[in-house]
């Protein structure tokens, strides 16, 4: 797994078999990620690598992530639901997301007109941590197994990738993970599926190398 930020932008996160290859999603958004990174680095946030991706923290508290997906790149705010977003730029990663919100971009042309708004959202996320605001969570309506909930706590990029899947793909994984009676089997199934989830694939999708 990638441990240095510059390494991420060169070879990807290293969390799946595509890391270090031309098919890694990071290479699809090099220019966009570089611009978003420059905006974040103008602030007092500390740049680190967590879970193989760039993570930006304030006094050791996670504030946001930069990530590459198959169809877009993102800034993901851990407590995005608490941010003032007058232009309605923020989106839920998935229908059941309660705390996190993301900005999705597919080109420089999409980023440049909203640079001031992006900066304001980043500053707002810092302010949320400065004053110690917390998200009040509702009971999760989906029957997500405890093992998967724990994995999401340990690995927010995996949670973001999972929530970016279609509802049908999410449900397929949840049923697959929940069916074994033994916890160790549920954990094994989750670990076996991490690569497919990070690539945006459903449980039964077959990866086809891009040419």
Protein backbone atom coordinates (compact mmCIF):
# COMPACT_ATOMS: atom_id res chain seq x y z
CA UNK A 1 0.00 0.00 0.00
CA UNK A 2 1.19 3.51 -0.78
CA UNK A 3 2.78 5.29 2.20
CA UNK A 4 3.97 8.57 0.60
CA UNK A 5 1.70 11.22 -0.93
CA UNK A 6 3.87 11.80 -4.00
CA UNK A 7 3.93 8.05 -4.57
CA UNK A 8 0.14 8.05 -4.69
CA UNK A 9 0.09 10.53 -7.54
CA UNK A 10 2.72 8.54 -9.43
CA UNK A 11 1.55 4.95 -9.00
CA UNK A 12 -1.78 5.02 -7.17
CA UNK A 13 -2.83 3.69 -3.79
CA UNK A 14 -1.49 0.17 -4.29
CA UNK A 15 -4.59 -1.32 -2.70
CA UNK A 16 -5.64 -3.38 -5.69
CA UNK A 17 -3.96 -5.21 -8.56
CA UNK A 18 -4.09 -2.13 -10.81
CA UNK A 19 -1.68 -0.13 -8.63
CA UNK A 20 1.43 0.89 -10.50
CA UNK A 21 -0.09 0.02 -13.89
CA UNK A 22 -1.46 2.31 -16.64
CA UNK A 23 -4.96 1.12 -15.71
CA UNK A 24 -4.78 2.63 -12.20
CA UNK A 25 -7.60 5.16 -11.82
CA UNK A 26 -5.23 7.83 -10.49
CA UNK A 27 -3.70 8.22 -13.96
CA UNK A 28 -7.08 9.20 -15.39
CA UNK A 29 -7.25 12.31 -13.20
CA UNK A 30 -3.64 13.48 -12.82
CA UNK A 31 -4.26 17.12 -13.70
CA UNK A 32 -7.51 17.38 -11.75
CA UNK A 33 -6.02 15.83 -8.61
CA UNK A 34 -2.98 18.11 -8.83
CA UNK A 35 -5.22 21.19 -8.90
CA UNK A 36 -7.38 19.99 -6.02
CA UNK A 37 -4.27 19.14 -4.03
CA UNK A 38 -2.85 22.64 -4.58
CA UNK A 39 -6.06 24.19 -3.23
CA UNK A 40 -5.98 22.07 -0.08
CA UNK A 41 -2.28 22.75 0.51
CA UNK A 42 -3.00 26.48 0.71
CA UNK A 43 -4.61 25.78 4.10
CA UNK A 44 -3.20 24.75 7.47
CA UNK A 45 -4.20 21.13 6.95
CA UNK A 46 -1.49 18.52 7.27
CA UNK A 47 -0.99 16.23 4.28
CA UNK A 48 -0.60 12.54 5.12
CA UNK A 49 -1.31 9.15 3.60
CA UNK A 50 -3.96 7.01 5.27
CA UNK A 51 -5.48 3.87 3.78
CA UNK A 52 -3.21 4.40 0.77
CA UNK A 53 -4.71 7.77 -0.26
CA UNK A 54 -3.98 11.45 0.53
CA UNK A 55 -5.65 12.41 3.79
CA UNK A 56 -5.68 15.93 5.20
CA UNK A 57 -5.88 16.43 8.95
CA UNK A 58 -6.29 19.20 11.50
CA UNK A 59 -4.69 18.51 14.88
CA UNK A 60 -4.73 14.76 14.11
CA UNK A 61 -8.41 14.81 13.15
CA UNK A 62 -9.35 13.60 9.67
CA UNK A 63 -10.90 16.39 7.60
CA UNK A 64 -10.89 15.29 3.96
CA UNK A 65 -9.52 12.83 1.41
CA UNK A 66 -8.50 13.09 -2.22
CA UNK A 67 -9.48 10.02 -4.22
CA UNK A 68 -9.68 8.72 -7.77
CA UNK A 69 -12.57 6.63 -9.02
CA UNK A 70 -13.28 5.11 -12.41
CA UNK A 71 -15.70 7.84 -13.52
CA UNK A 72 -14.44 10.86 -11.54
CA UNK A 73 -12.07 12.15 -8.87
CA UNK A 74 -13.24 13.52 -5.52
CA UNK A 75 -12.66 15.57 -2.46
CA UNK A 76 -14.40 13.67 0.31
CA UNK A 77 -15.29 15.51 3.53
CA UNK A 78 -15.59 13.31 6.62
CA UNK A 79 -18.21 15.63 8.18
CA UNK A 80 -19.56 17.11 4.97
CA UNK A 81 -23.15 17.03 6.19
CA UNK A 82 -22.24 19.84 8.64
CA UNK A 83 -20.88 22.18 5.97
CA UNK A 84 -22.57 25.29 4.64
CA UNK A 85 -23.04 24.58 0.93
CA UNK A 86 -25.10 27.40 -0.63
CA UNK A 87 -24.31 26.28 -4.19
CA UNK A 88 -25.34 22.67 -3.48
CA UNK A 89 -22.07 21.29 -4.77
CA UNK A 90 -21.76 18.50 -2.24
CA UNK A 91 -23.20 15.07 -2.93
CA UNK A 92 -23.83 11.98 -0.87
CA UNK A 93 -21.37 9.20 -1.76
CA UNK A 94 -24.35 6.84 -1.52
CA UNK A 95 -28.04 7.00 -0.59
CA UNK A 96 -27.40 5.96 3.01
CA UNK A 97 -24.43 8.25 3.71
CA UNK A 98 -25.01 10.25 6.87
CA UNK A 99 -21.78 12.15 7.60
CA UNK A 100 -19.57 12.21 4.52
CA UNK A 101 -20.15 14.36 1.46
CA UNK A 102 -18.11 14.57 -1.73
CA UNK A 103 -17.24 16.92 -4.56
CA UNK A 104 -17.04 14.97 -7.82
CA UNK A 105 -15.12 16.26 -10.83
CA UNK A 106 -14.45 14.88 -14.29
CA UNK A 107 -12.36 17.72 -15.77
CA UNK A 108 -10.38 20.86 -15.03
CA UNK A 109 -13.17 22.76 -16.74
CA UNK A 110 -15.54 21.62 -13.98
CA UNK A 111 -13.18 22.66 -11.18
CA UNK A 112 -12.05 26.11 -12.30
CA UNK A 113 -15.46 27.87 -12.14
CA UNK A 114 -16.00 26.74 -8.53
CA UNK A 115 -12.51 27.15 -7.09
CA UNK A 116 -13.68 29.79 -4.61
CA UNK A 117 -16.54 27.57 -3.50
CA UNK A 118 -14.18 24.59 -3.07
CA UNK A 119 -11.86 26.72 -0.95
CA UNK A 120 -14.80 27.85 1.18
CA UNK A 121 -15.91 24.25 1.76
CA UNK A 122 -12.40 23.25 2.79
CA UNK A 123 -12.21 26.18 5.21
CA UNK A 124 -15.64 25.24 6.53
CA UNK A 125 -14.46 21.68 7.16
CA UNK A 126 -11.49 23.02 9.11
CA UNK A 127 -13.79 25.25 11.16
CA UNK A 128 -15.97 22.24 12.01
CA UNK A 129 -12.97 20.55 13.59
CA UNK A 130 -11.77 23.72 15.29
CA UNK A 131 -15.00 24.00 17.26
CA UNK A 132 -15.38 20.24 17.75
CA UNK A 133 -18.72 19.72 16.01
CA UNK A 134 -19.90 16.11 15.70
CA UNK A 135 -22.40 14.38 13.44
CA UNK A 136 -25.48 12.89 15.08
CA UNK A 137 -26.10 9.58 13.34
CA UNK A 138 -29.48 8.01 12.69
CA UNK A 139 -29.93 4.27 12.87
CA UNK A 140 -28.62 2.77 9.66
CA UNK A 141 -31.60 1.46 7.67
CA UNK A 142 -29.47 -1.07 5.80
CA UNK A 143 -28.70 -4.45 7.45
CA UNK A 144 -24.95 -3.96 7.15
CA UNK A 145 -23.02 -6.65 9.04
CA UNK A 146 -20.97 -5.47 12.00
CA UNK A 147 -17.78 -6.74 10.39
CA UNK A 148 -18.32 -4.46 7.42
CA UNK A 149 -19.15 -1.50 9.66
CA UNK A 150 -15.87 -2.05 11.49
CA UNK A 151 -13.97 -2.31 8.22
CA UNK A 152 -15.48 1.00 7.11
CA UNK A 153 -14.32 2.65 10.34
CA UNK A 154 -10.80 1.41 9.71
CA UNK A 155 -10.83 2.23 6.00
CA UNK A 156 -12.87 5.33 4.94
CA UNK A 157 -11.79 5.13 1.26
CA UNK A 158 -13.30 1.65 1.11
CA UNK A 159 -16.51 3.05 2.61
CA UNK A 160 -16.55 5.81 0.00
CA UNK A 161 -15.99 3.29 -2.80
CA UNK A 162 -18.75 1.04 -1.47
CA UNK A 163 -21.20 3.92 -1.16
CA UNK A 164 -20.40 4.96 -4.74
CA UNK A 165 -21.65 1.60 -6.02
CA UNK A 166 -25.18 1.29 -7.35
CA UNK A 167 -27.77 0.27 -4.73
CA UNK A 168 -28.07 -3.14 -6.39
CA UNK A 169 -24.33 -3.78 -6.16
CA UNK A 170 -24.31 -2.66 -2.53
CA UNK A 171 -27.17 -5.00 -1.69
CA UNK A 172 -25.42 -7.89 -3.45
CA UNK A 173 -22.33 -7.44 -1.31
CA UNK A 174 -24.32 -7.01 1.90
CA UNK A 175 -26.22 -10.25 1.32
CA UNK A 176 -22.97 -12.06 0.45
CA UNK A 177 -21.17 -10.74 3.53
CA UNK A 178 -24.09 -11.35 5.91
CA UNK A 179 -24.95 -14.94 5.00
CA UNK A 180 -22.17 -16.88 6.83
CA UNK A 181 -22.89 -17.73 10.46
CA UNK A 182 -19.28 -17.37 11.58
CA UNK A 183 -17.75 -13.92 11.92
CA UNK A 184 -14.38 -15.05 10.59
CA UNK A 185 -16.04 -16.20 7.37
CA UNK A 186 -17.81 -12.85 7.00
CA UNK A 187 -14.48 -11.07 7.51
CA UNK A 188 -12.81 -13.31 4.92
CA UNK A 189 -15.49 -12.55 2.37
CA UNK A 190 -15.11 -8.81 2.97
CA UNK A 191 -11.33 -8.94 2.56
CA UNK A 192 -11.64 -11.00 -0.60
CA UNK A 193 -13.97 -8.38 -2.11
CA UNK A 194 -11.98 -5.23 -1.27
CA UNK A 195 -10.26 -5.06 -4.66
CA UNK A 196 -13.50 -5.36 -6.62
CA UNK A 197 -15.17 -2.68 -4.50
CA UNK A 198 -12.26 -0.28 -4.97
CA UNK A 199 -12.48 -0.84 -8.74
CA UNK A 200 -16.19 -0.01 -8.68
CA UNK A 201 -17.25 -3.54 -9.57
CA UNK A 202 -20.21 -5.54 -8.35
CA UNK A 203 -19.85 -8.93 -6.73
CA UNK A 204 -20.30 -10.85 -9.96
CA UNK A 205 -18.75 -8.31 -12.35
CA UNK A 206 -15.71 -9.43 -14.29
CA UNK A 207 -12.93 -6.90 -14.70
CA UNK A 208 -11.98 -6.13 -18.26
CA UNK A 209 -8.62 -4.46 -18.82
CA UNK A 210 -8.91 -1.16 -20.65
CA UNK A 211 -6.98 -0.84 -23.89
